[in-house]
Protein backbone atom coordinates (compact mmCIF):
# COMPACT_ATOMS: atom_id res chain seq x y z
CA UNK A 1 -6.40 0.17 7.84
CA UNK A 2 -4.01 2.02 10.03
CA UNK A 3 -0.57 1.48 11.42
CA UNK A 4 -0.26 0.00 14.88
CA UNK A 5 0.02 2.91 17.29
CA UNK A 6 1.92 3.43 20.52
CA UNK A 7 -1.02 2.24 22.63
CA UNK A 8 -0.86 -1.23 21.07
CA UNK A 9 1.16 -3.98 22.71
CA UNK A 10 4.83 -3.92 21.73
CA UNK A 11 5.98 -6.31 19.05
CA UNK A 12 8.88 -8.55 20.03
CA UNK A 13 10.48 -8.41 16.59
CA UNK A 14 11.33 -5.27 14.68
CA UNK A 15 9.44 -4.34 11.53
CA UNK A 16 12.22 -5.35 9.14
CA UNK A 17 12.48 -8.81 10.69
CA UNK A 18 8.71 -9.26 10.52
CA UNK A 19 8.69 -8.30 6.84
CA UNK A 20 11.56 -10.71 6.12
CA UNK A 21 9.60 -13.49 7.85
CA UNK A 22 6.50 -12.73 5.78
CA UNK A 23 8.52 -12.85 2.55
CA UNK A 24 10.07 -16.18 3.54
CA UNK A 25 6.57 -17.63 4.07
CA UNK A 26 5.08 -16.05 0.93
CA UNK A 27 7.75 -15.09 -1.62
CA UNK A 28 5.32 -13.65 -4.18
CA UNK A 29 6.17 -10.12 -3.02
CA UNK A 30 9.52 -8.53 -2.20
CA UNK A 31 10.20 -6.70 1.05
CA UNK A 32 10.16 -3.43 -0.91
CA UNK A 33 6.50 -4.06 -1.76
CA UNK A 34 5.59 -4.21 1.93
CA UNK A 35 7.64 -1.13 2.72
CA UNK A 36 6.01 0.79 -0.11
CA UNK A 37 2.51 -0.18 1.04
CA UNK A 38 3.39 1.19 4.50
CA UNK A 39 4.68 4.39 2.89
CA UNK A 40 1.50 4.62 0.83
CA UNK A 41 -0.59 4.23 3.98
CA UNK A 42 1.29 7.09 5.66
CA UNK A 43 0.96 9.16 2.47
CA UNK A 44 -2.79 8.50 2.37
CA UNK A 45 -3.31 9.31 6.05
CA UNK A 46 -1.38 12.58 5.70
CA UNK A 47 -3.75 13.66 2.90
CA UNK A 48 -6.80 13.16 5.11
CA UNK A 49 -8.26 15.54 7.64
CA UNK A 50 -6.53 15.68 11.01
CA UNK A 51 -7.69 13.03 13.43
CA UNK A 52 -8.75 10.57 10.74
CA UNK A 53 -6.25 7.73 10.89
CA UNK A 54 -8.30 4.92 9.38
CA UNK A 55 -8.47 4.56 5.62
CA UNK A 56 -10.56 2.19 3.56
CA UNK A 57 -9.12 -0.23 1.04
CA UNK A 58 -10.15 2.01 -1.85
CA UNK A 59 -8.62 5.08 -0.19
CA UNK A 60 -5.37 3.21 0.40
CA UNK A 61 -5.30 2.04 -3.21
CA UNK A 62 -5.83 5.59 -4.46
CA UNK A 63 -2.99 6.82 -2.26
CA UNK A 64 -0.84 3.87 -3.34
CA UNK A 65 -1.42 4.72 -7.01
CA UNK A 66 -0.71 8.42 -6.48
CA UNK A 67 2.47 7.78 -4.51
CA UNK A 68 3.68 5.24 -7.08
CA UNK A 69 3.19 7.75 -9.90
CA UNK A 70 4.77 10.55 -7.87
CA UNK A 71 7.74 8.41 -6.84
CA UNK A 72 8.42 6.33 -9.96
CA UNK A 73 6.70 8.21 -12.77
CA UNK A 74 6.34 6.24 -15.97
CA UNK A 75 8.34 3.39 -14.42
CA UNK A 76 5.76 2.82 -11.66
CA UNK A 77 4.21 -0.24 -13.28
CA UNK A 78 7.60 -1.84 -13.97
CA UNK A 79 8.90 -1.20 -10.44
CA UNK A 80 5.76 -2.53 -8.78
CA UNK A 81 5.73 -5.56 -11.06
CA UNK A 82 9.35 -6.29 -10.13
CA UNK A 83 8.23 -6.32 -6.51
CA UNK A 84 5.33 -8.68 -7.33
CA UNK A 85 2.49 -6.13 -7.35
CA UNK A 86 0.47 -6.25 -10.56
CA UNK A 87 -3.11 -5.71 -9.42
CA UNK A 88 -5.10 -4.18 -6.60
CA UNK A 89 -5.68 -7.59 -5.01
CA UNK A 90 -1.91 -7.87 -4.47
CA UNK A 91 -1.98 -4.72 -2.33
CA UNK A 92 -4.80 -6.28 -0.30
CA UNK A 93 -2.80 -9.47 0.21
CA UNK A 94 0.17 -7.45 1.43
CA UNK A 95 -2.04 -5.42 3.77
CA UNK A 96 -3.60 -8.50 5.29
CA UNK A 97 -0.23 -10.20 5.73
CA UNK A 98 0.80 -7.16 7.79
CA UNK A 99 -2.48 -7.21 9.72
CA UNK A 100 -1.83 -10.87 10.60
CA UNK A 101 1.56 -9.81 11.99
CA UNK A 102 0.11 -6.83 13.93
CA UNK A 103 1.97 -4.27 11.82
CA UNK A 104 -1.39 -2.85 10.73
CA UNK A 105 -4.82 -2.79 12.28
CA UNK A 106 -8.22 -3.18 10.70
CA UNK A 107 -11.78 -2.48 11.67
CA UNK A 108 -14.52 -5.09 11.65
CA UNK A 109 -15.62 -3.73 8.26
CA UNK A 110 -12.24 -4.13 6.54
CA UNK A 111 -11.78 -7.22 4.37
CA UNK A 112 -9.67 -8.52 1.50
CA UNK A 113 -12.55 -7.98 -0.92
CA UNK A 114 -12.12 -4.22 -0.39
CA UNK A 115 -9.06 -4.55 -2.65
CA UNK A 116 -10.55 -6.86 -5.27
CA UNK A 117 -10.26 -5.54 -8.81
CA UNK A 118 -10.73 -1.91 -7.74
CA UNK A 119 -9.06 -0.58 -10.87
CA UNK A 120 -6.88 -1.74 -13.72
CA UNK A 121 -3.29 -1.21 -12.55
CA UNK A 122 -1.84 -0.50 -15.98
CA UNK A 123 -4.48 2.07 -16.87
CA UNK A 124 -4.50 3.70 -13.42
CA UNK A 125 -0.73 4.14 -13.30
CA UNK A 126 -0.45 5.39 -16.87
CA UNK A 127 -3.40 7.79 -16.56
CA UNK A 128 -2.02 9.00 -13.24
CA UNK A 129 1.29 9.73 -14.92
CA UNK A 130 -0.45 11.58 -17.77
CA UNK A 131 -2.38 13.69 -15.23
CA UNK A 132 0.85 14.50 -13.39
CA UNK A 133 2.49 15.56 -16.64
CA UNK A 134 -0.50 17.73 -17.54
CA UNK A 135 -0.21 19.55 -14.20
CA UNK A 136 3.42 20.49 -14.78
CA UNK A 137 3.20 21.12 -18.52
CA UNK A 138 3.42 24.71 -19.63
């Protein structure tokens, strides 16, 4: 997945309006969930080597997990749950909603199954938090 770049055709509606429209059609996830997935995509791309703008579903999920732990700490699971995200498949649904609206692009190899049950959200977020604590502990 990657964000739509400047060479793509312009979108008539702005991003916020598109996200509001998606949420109206499928209210399982809050707008914040979509915004955070976009932030996680940028975070994941920035961690990759220069010139590599495409990330796989697993890579996005790893970046998503890391950013959630970095941003929300021990509250990551609660915040994401409040937004409707409780499993890796939810991230995939959000991604593909944004692909359908041309906010993101995919390759021919990208599919929803790339996000299916990749890891246990509770364990991944809690272990990620423990690892972060271990890095800063004296």
